Amino acid sequence: MTPAPAQPPPAAALCEMLLRQSPGCAWLLQRDGTFHAIYGDAPRVFGRPAAEVETLRFADLFAPPARATWTARVERVFAGRTLGAAGRFSESGAAFSISMFPVRPPDGPIALRDAWRTRCRRAPW
C-alpha cells in the first residue's frame, strides 16, 4: 500500500510559521498601544523575551523623552498612514529600522491592531 501524500499546511499556518521563525521581529499592536502578539526574534530587538514584552505598552519600551513621539506615530498609523522610522529600545541598544503600517481585515476598516516589522540595520563591512 502506498501512503497518501502529505497535505501541505493551510496558508494561515504557513504564514504563522514564517512570522515565528523569522530572524527579524514583527508585532501587532492594539489601538491603546498594548501588544496583541510578537513574532520572531524578540530578545534580539527588545533585549527580553516576547512573553515579557507583551505585558508592556509599546511606547514604554523607549526612553521617556521619545515616548510622546512614538505614541503620536502609533496614532498616525491607526489613522491609516504608513510610516518608517529608526528607533532603539534601550540607551545602549542597537538602532532598528521600523516600518509601521495599518492592518486592514477583509471585512472592515483599519483593524484595532497594527503590524510593525523590525530588522537590524546592515552593519558596515
N, C-alpha and C. Protein backbone atom coordinates (compact mmCIF):
# COMPACT_ATOMS: atom_id res chain seq x y z
N MET A 1 0.84 -1.16 0.00
CA MET A 1 0.00 0.00 0.00
C MET A 1 0.89 1.24 0.00
N THR A 2 0.57 2.17 -0.86
CA THR A 2 1.32 3.42 -0.95
C THR A 2 0.71 4.42 0.00
N PRO A 3 1.57 5.05 0.84
CA PRO A 3 1.00 6.05 1.75
C PRO A 3 0.48 7.25 0.97
N ALA A 4 -0.54 7.85 1.51
CA ALA A 4 -1.12 9.04 0.89
C ALA A 4 -0.11 10.19 1.00
N PRO A 5 -0.04 11.01 -0.03
CA PRO A 5 0.89 12.14 0.05
C PRO A 5 0.49 13.08 1.18
N ALA A 6 1.49 13.63 1.84
CA ALA A 6 1.22 14.56 2.94
C ALA A 6 0.59 15.83 2.39
N GLN A 7 -0.41 16.30 3.08
CA GLN A 7 -1.07 17.54 2.69
C GLN A 7 -0.26 18.73 3.22
N PRO A 8 -0.05 19.73 2.40
CA PRO A 8 0.66 20.90 2.91
C PRO A 8 -0.19 21.62 3.96
N PRO A 9 0.46 22.30 4.89
CA PRO A 9 -0.32 23.03 5.90
C PRO A 9 -1.14 24.14 5.23
N PRO A 10 -2.24 24.54 5.84
CA PRO A 10 -3.03 25.65 5.30
C PRO A 10 -2.18 26.92 5.24
N ALA A 11 -2.58 27.83 4.39
CA ALA A 11 -1.84 29.08 4.19
C ALA A 11 -1.67 29.85 5.50
N ALA A 12 -2.69 29.89 6.33
CA ALA A 12 -2.59 30.62 7.60
C ALA A 12 -1.51 30.01 8.49
N ALA A 13 -1.41 28.69 8.51
CA ALA A 13 -0.38 28.03 9.31
C ALA A 13 1.01 28.34 8.76
N LEU A 14 1.15 28.38 7.44
CA LEU A 14 2.43 28.71 6.84
C LEU A 14 2.83 30.16 7.18
N CYS A 15 1.87 31.06 7.14
CA CYS A 15 2.15 32.45 7.49
C CYS A 15 2.60 32.57 8.95
N GLU A 16 1.95 31.85 9.82
CA GLU A 16 2.32 31.84 11.24
C GLU A 16 3.74 31.32 11.41
N MET A 17 4.09 30.24 10.71
CA MET A 17 5.45 29.69 10.79
C MET A 17 6.47 30.70 10.28
N LEU A 18 6.16 31.38 9.19
CA LEU A 18 7.06 32.38 8.64
C LEU A 18 7.34 33.48 9.66
N LEU A 19 6.29 33.99 10.28
CA LEU A 19 6.47 35.05 11.27
C LEU A 19 7.25 34.57 12.49
N ARG A 20 6.90 33.41 13.01
CA ARG A 20 7.55 32.91 14.23
C ARG A 20 9.01 32.55 14.02
N GLN A 21 9.38 32.08 12.82
CA GLN A 21 10.74 31.63 12.56
C GLN A 21 11.61 32.70 11.91
N SER A 22 11.08 33.87 11.72
CA SER A 22 11.82 34.95 11.08
C SER A 22 13.00 35.39 11.94
N PRO A 23 14.14 35.71 11.32
CA PRO A 23 15.26 36.24 12.10
C PRO A 23 15.01 37.70 12.52
N GLY A 24 14.02 38.35 11.92
CA GLY A 24 13.63 39.69 12.32
C GLY A 24 12.58 39.61 13.40
N CYS A 25 11.86 40.66 13.61
CA CYS A 25 10.81 40.67 14.63
C CYS A 25 9.63 41.46 14.08
N ALA A 26 8.45 40.91 14.19
CA ALA A 26 7.23 41.59 13.78
C ALA A 26 6.26 41.54 14.95
N TRP A 27 5.42 42.56 15.04
CA TRP A 27 4.44 42.55 16.12
C TRP A 27 3.17 43.26 15.72
N LEU A 28 2.10 42.93 16.42
CA LEU A 28 0.79 43.56 16.23
C LEU A 28 0.47 44.34 17.49
N LEU A 29 0.03 45.57 17.30
CA LEU A 29 -0.37 46.41 18.42
C LEU A 29 -1.87 46.64 18.39
N GLN A 30 -2.44 46.79 19.57
CA GLN A 30 -3.82 47.19 19.67
C GLN A 30 -3.86 48.72 19.70
N ARG A 31 -5.01 49.28 19.49
CA ARG A 31 -5.14 50.74 19.39
C ARG A 31 -4.62 51.46 20.63
N ASP A 32 -4.71 50.86 21.80
CA ASP A 32 -4.23 51.51 23.03
C ASP A 32 -2.71 51.38 23.22
N GLY A 33 -2.01 50.80 22.25
CA GLY A 33 -0.56 50.69 22.32
C GLY A 33 -0.05 49.43 23.00
N THR A 34 -0.96 48.58 23.47
CA THR A 34 -0.53 47.31 24.05
C THR A 34 -0.32 46.29 22.93
N PHE A 35 0.46 45.28 23.22
CA PHE A 35 0.77 44.27 22.22
C PHE A 35 -0.35 43.25 22.09
N HIS A 36 -0.64 42.90 20.87
CA HIS A 36 -1.55 41.79 20.59
C HIS A 36 -0.74 40.51 20.43
N ALA A 37 0.39 40.60 19.72
CA ALA A 37 1.26 39.44 19.50
C ALA A 37 2.64 39.92 19.06
N ILE A 38 3.64 39.10 19.34
CA ILE A 38 5.01 39.36 18.91
C ILE A 38 5.53 38.09 18.25
N TYR A 39 6.16 38.24 17.09
CA TYR A 39 6.68 37.11 16.34
C TYR A 39 8.16 37.31 16.06
N GLY A 40 8.91 36.23 15.97
CA GLY A 40 10.31 36.31 15.58
C GLY A 40 11.24 36.48 16.77
N ASP A 41 12.37 37.12 16.53
CA ASP A 41 13.46 37.22 17.49
C ASP A 41 13.32 38.42 18.42
N ALA A 42 12.36 38.36 19.33
CA ALA A 42 12.12 39.47 20.26
C ALA A 42 13.31 39.78 21.15
N PRO A 43 14.04 38.79 21.69
CA PRO A 43 15.17 39.13 22.55
C PRO A 43 16.23 39.97 21.85
N ARG A 44 16.48 39.72 20.58
CA ARG A 44 17.49 40.50 19.85
C ARG A 44 17.05 41.95 19.70
N VAL A 45 15.76 42.17 19.50
CA VAL A 45 15.25 43.52 19.27
C VAL A 45 14.99 44.25 20.59
N PHE A 46 14.27 43.61 21.49
CA PHE A 46 13.84 44.26 22.72
C PHE A 46 14.74 43.99 23.93
N GLY A 47 15.64 43.01 23.82
CA GLY A 47 16.50 42.68 24.94
C GLY A 47 15.82 41.84 26.01
N ARG A 48 14.65 41.32 25.70
CA ARG A 48 13.91 40.46 26.64
C ARG A 48 12.93 39.59 25.85
N PRO A 49 12.45 38.51 26.45
CA PRO A 49 11.57 37.59 25.72
C PRO A 49 10.21 38.21 25.40
N ALA A 50 9.59 37.68 24.35
CA ALA A 50 8.29 38.17 23.90
C ALA A 50 7.25 38.14 25.01
N ALA A 51 7.25 37.09 25.82
CA ALA A 51 6.25 36.98 26.89
C ALA A 51 6.33 38.16 27.86
N GLU A 52 7.53 38.65 28.10
CA GLU A 52 7.70 39.80 29.00
C GLU A 52 7.29 41.10 28.30
N VAL A 53 7.68 41.26 27.04
CA VAL A 53 7.37 42.48 26.30
C VAL A 53 5.86 42.62 26.09
N GLU A 54 5.17 41.51 25.89
CA GLU A 54 3.72 41.55 25.65
C GLU A 54 2.92 42.11 26.82
N THR A 55 3.53 42.21 27.99
CA THR A 55 2.83 42.77 29.15
C THR A 55 2.97 44.28 29.22
N LEU A 56 3.72 44.87 28.28
CA LEU A 56 4.02 46.30 28.31
C LEU A 56 3.28 47.05 27.21
N ARG A 57 3.29 48.38 27.31
CA ARG A 57 2.81 49.24 26.22
C ARG A 57 4.01 49.52 25.32
N PHE A 58 3.78 49.60 24.03
CA PHE A 58 4.87 49.79 23.07
C PHE A 58 5.70 51.03 23.39
N ALA A 59 5.07 52.15 23.64
CA ALA A 59 5.80 53.39 23.89
C ALA A 59 6.67 53.30 25.15
N ASP A 60 6.28 52.47 26.10
CA ASP A 60 7.05 52.34 27.34
C ASP A 60 8.39 51.64 27.13
N LEU A 61 8.60 51.06 25.96
CA LEU A 61 9.88 50.42 25.66
C LEU A 61 10.96 51.43 25.29
N PHE A 62 10.57 52.67 25.04
CA PHE A 62 11.51 53.71 24.66
C PHE A 62 11.87 54.57 25.87
N ALA A 63 12.99 55.28 25.78
CA ALA A 63 13.38 56.21 26.84
C ALA A 63 12.29 57.28 26.96
N PRO A 64 12.04 57.77 28.18
CA PRO A 64 10.95 58.74 28.39
C PRO A 64 10.90 59.91 27.40
N PRO A 65 12.02 60.53 27.02
CA PRO A 65 11.91 61.65 26.08
C PRO A 65 11.33 61.27 24.71
N ALA A 66 11.43 60.00 24.32
CA ALA A 66 10.96 59.57 23.00
C ALA A 66 9.54 59.02 23.01
N ARG A 67 8.96 58.82 24.16
CA ARG A 67 7.65 58.15 24.25
C ARG A 67 6.53 58.93 23.55
N ALA A 68 6.48 60.22 23.72
CA ALA A 68 5.41 61.01 23.09
C ALA A 68 5.50 60.92 21.57
N THR A 69 6.71 60.93 21.04
CA THR A 69 6.90 60.82 19.60
C THR A 69 6.38 59.49 19.09
N TRP A 70 6.71 58.40 19.79
CA TRP A 70 6.27 57.08 19.36
C TRP A 70 4.76 56.90 19.53
N THR A 71 4.20 57.48 20.57
CA THR A 71 2.74 57.42 20.75
C THR A 71 2.06 58.13 19.58
N ALA A 72 2.57 59.29 19.18
CA ALA A 72 1.99 60.02 18.05
C ALA A 72 2.12 59.21 16.76
N ARG A 73 3.23 58.51 16.59
CA ARG A 73 3.40 57.69 15.38
C ARG A 73 2.38 56.56 15.34
N VAL A 74 2.16 55.92 16.48
CA VAL A 74 1.17 54.84 16.53
C VAL A 74 -0.21 55.39 16.19
N GLU A 75 -0.54 56.56 16.70
CA GLU A 75 -1.84 57.17 16.41
C GLU A 75 -1.98 57.46 14.91
N ARG A 76 -0.91 57.94 14.27
CA ARG A 76 -0.97 58.22 12.84
C ARG A 76 -1.15 56.94 12.03
N VAL A 77 -0.53 55.85 12.47
CA VAL A 77 -0.69 54.59 11.76
C VAL A 77 -2.14 54.10 11.88
N PHE A 78 -2.74 54.24 13.05
CA PHE A 78 -4.13 53.83 13.21
C PHE A 78 -5.08 54.75 12.44
N ALA A 79 -4.60 55.92 12.06
CA ALA A 79 -5.40 56.82 11.21
C ALA A 79 -5.23 56.47 9.74
N GLY A 80 -4.39 55.46 9.44
CA GLY A 80 -4.25 54.99 8.07
C GLY A 80 -2.93 55.26 7.40
N ARG A 81 -1.99 55.88 8.07
CA ARG A 81 -0.69 56.22 7.48
C ARG A 81 0.28 55.05 7.54
N THR A 82 1.20 55.01 6.61
CA THR A 82 2.34 54.09 6.64
C THR A 82 3.56 54.94 6.92
N LEU A 83 4.34 54.55 7.92
CA LEU A 83 5.49 55.33 8.35
C LEU A 83 6.72 54.45 8.49
N GLY A 84 7.86 55.08 8.47
CA GLY A 84 9.12 54.41 8.75
C GLY A 84 9.94 55.30 9.65
N ALA A 85 10.67 54.70 10.58
CA ALA A 85 11.49 55.47 11.50
C ALA A 85 12.59 54.58 12.06
N ALA A 86 13.64 55.19 12.53
CA ALA A 86 14.68 54.46 13.25
C ALA A 86 14.35 54.54 14.73
N GLY A 87 14.69 53.51 15.45
CA GLY A 87 14.43 53.52 16.88
C GLY A 87 15.34 52.55 17.61
N ARG A 88 15.49 52.78 18.89
CA ARG A 88 16.25 51.86 19.74
C ARG A 88 15.48 51.65 21.03
N PHE A 89 15.57 50.45 21.57
CA PHE A 89 14.77 50.09 22.73
C PHE A 89 15.52 50.14 24.04
N SER A 90 16.74 50.66 24.01
CA SER A 90 17.50 50.94 25.22
C SER A 90 18.55 51.98 24.87
N GLU A 91 19.06 52.65 25.87
CA GLU A 91 20.05 53.70 25.63
C GLU A 91 21.28 53.16 24.91
N SER A 92 21.69 51.94 25.24
CA SER A 92 22.91 51.38 24.65
C SER A 92 22.61 50.34 23.57
N GLY A 93 21.33 50.12 23.26
CA GLY A 93 20.96 49.09 22.30
C GLY A 93 21.20 49.51 20.85
N ALA A 94 21.13 48.53 19.98
CA ALA A 94 21.30 48.78 18.55
C ALA A 94 20.09 49.54 18.01
N ALA A 95 20.32 50.30 16.95
CA ALA A 95 19.23 51.00 16.29
C ALA A 95 18.57 50.06 15.28
N PHE A 96 17.26 50.17 15.14
CA PHE A 96 16.50 49.34 14.22
C PHE A 96 15.71 50.21 13.26
N SER A 97 15.50 49.69 12.08
CA SER A 97 14.63 50.33 11.10
C SER A 97 13.23 49.77 11.34
N ILE A 98 12.27 50.62 11.62
CA ILE A 98 10.92 50.17 11.97
C ILE A 98 9.94 50.68 10.92
N SER A 99 9.30 49.75 10.22
CA SER A 99 8.24 50.09 9.27
C SER A 99 6.92 49.89 9.97
N MET A 100 6.04 50.88 9.88
CA MET A 100 4.76 50.82 10.58
C MET A 100 3.64 50.99 9.56
N PHE A 101 2.67 50.11 9.61
CA PHE A 101 1.56 50.19 8.66
C PHE A 101 0.31 49.60 9.27
N PRO A 102 -0.86 50.11 8.85
CA PRO A 102 -2.12 49.57 9.39
C PRO A 102 -2.41 48.20 8.77
N VAL A 103 -3.03 47.36 9.54
CA VAL A 103 -3.51 46.06 9.07
C VAL A 103 -5.01 46.17 8.92
N ARG A 104 -5.48 45.94 7.72
CA ARG A 104 -6.91 46.07 7.44
C ARG A 104 -7.51 44.69 7.21
N PRO A 105 -8.43 44.27 8.06
CA PRO A 105 -9.07 42.98 7.83
C PRO A 105 -9.97 43.06 6.60
N PRO A 106 -10.21 41.93 5.94
CA PRO A 106 -11.02 41.96 4.72
C PRO A 106 -12.47 42.37 4.94
N ASP A 107 -12.95 42.29 6.16
CA ASP A 107 -14.36 42.55 6.41
C ASP A 107 -14.63 43.87 7.12
N GLY A 108 -13.70 44.83 7.06
CA GLY A 108 -13.98 46.08 7.75
C GLY A 108 -12.86 47.09 7.59
N PRO A 109 -12.95 48.18 8.37
CA PRO A 109 -11.95 49.25 8.29
C PRO A 109 -10.64 48.83 8.96
N ILE A 110 -9.79 49.79 9.23
CA ILE A 110 -8.50 49.51 9.86
C ILE A 110 -8.72 48.71 11.13
N ALA A 111 -7.90 47.69 11.30
CA ALA A 111 -8.03 46.81 12.45
C ALA A 111 -7.68 47.53 13.74
N LEU A 112 -8.08 46.96 14.85
CA LEU A 112 -7.74 47.53 16.15
C LEU A 112 -6.35 47.11 16.59
N ARG A 113 -5.57 46.65 15.68
CA ARG A 113 -4.17 46.35 15.96
C ARG A 113 -3.36 46.75 14.76
N ASP A 114 -2.08 46.73 14.95
CA ASP A 114 -1.18 47.27 13.97
C ASP A 114 -0.01 46.33 13.78
N ALA A 115 0.59 46.32 12.65
CA ALA A 115 1.76 45.47 12.44
C ALA A 115 2.98 46.34 12.25
N TRP A 116 4.03 45.97 12.88
CA TRP A 116 5.29 46.70 12.78
C TRP A 116 6.37 45.67 12.51
N ARG A 117 7.16 45.91 11.55
CA ARG A 117 8.22 44.97 11.22
C ARG A 117 9.54 45.64 11.55
N THR A 118 10.40 44.89 12.18
CA THR A 118 11.67 45.44 12.61
C THR A 118 12.80 44.55 12.11
N ARG A 119 13.89 45.20 11.74
CA ARG A 119 15.07 44.43 11.39
C ARG A 119 16.31 45.25 11.72
N CYS A 120 17.40 44.57 11.94
CA CYS A 120 18.66 45.26 12.24
C CYS A 120 19.11 46.05 11.03
N ARG A 121 19.70 47.18 11.26
CA ARG A 121 20.33 47.89 10.17
C ARG A 121 21.55 47.11 9.73
N ARG A 122 21.85 47.22 8.47
CA ARG A 122 23.00 46.50 7.92
C ARG A 122 24.28 47.04 8.53
N ALA A 123 25.13 46.14 8.99
CA ALA A 123 26.41 46.55 9.57
C ALA A 123 27.39 46.94 8.46
N PRO A 124 28.21 47.93 8.70
CA PRO A 124 29.19 48.30 7.67
C PRO A 124 30.22 47.20 7.52
N TRP A 125 30.59 46.91 6.30
CA TRP A 125 31.57 45.83 6.03
C TRP A 125 32.87 46.41 5.76
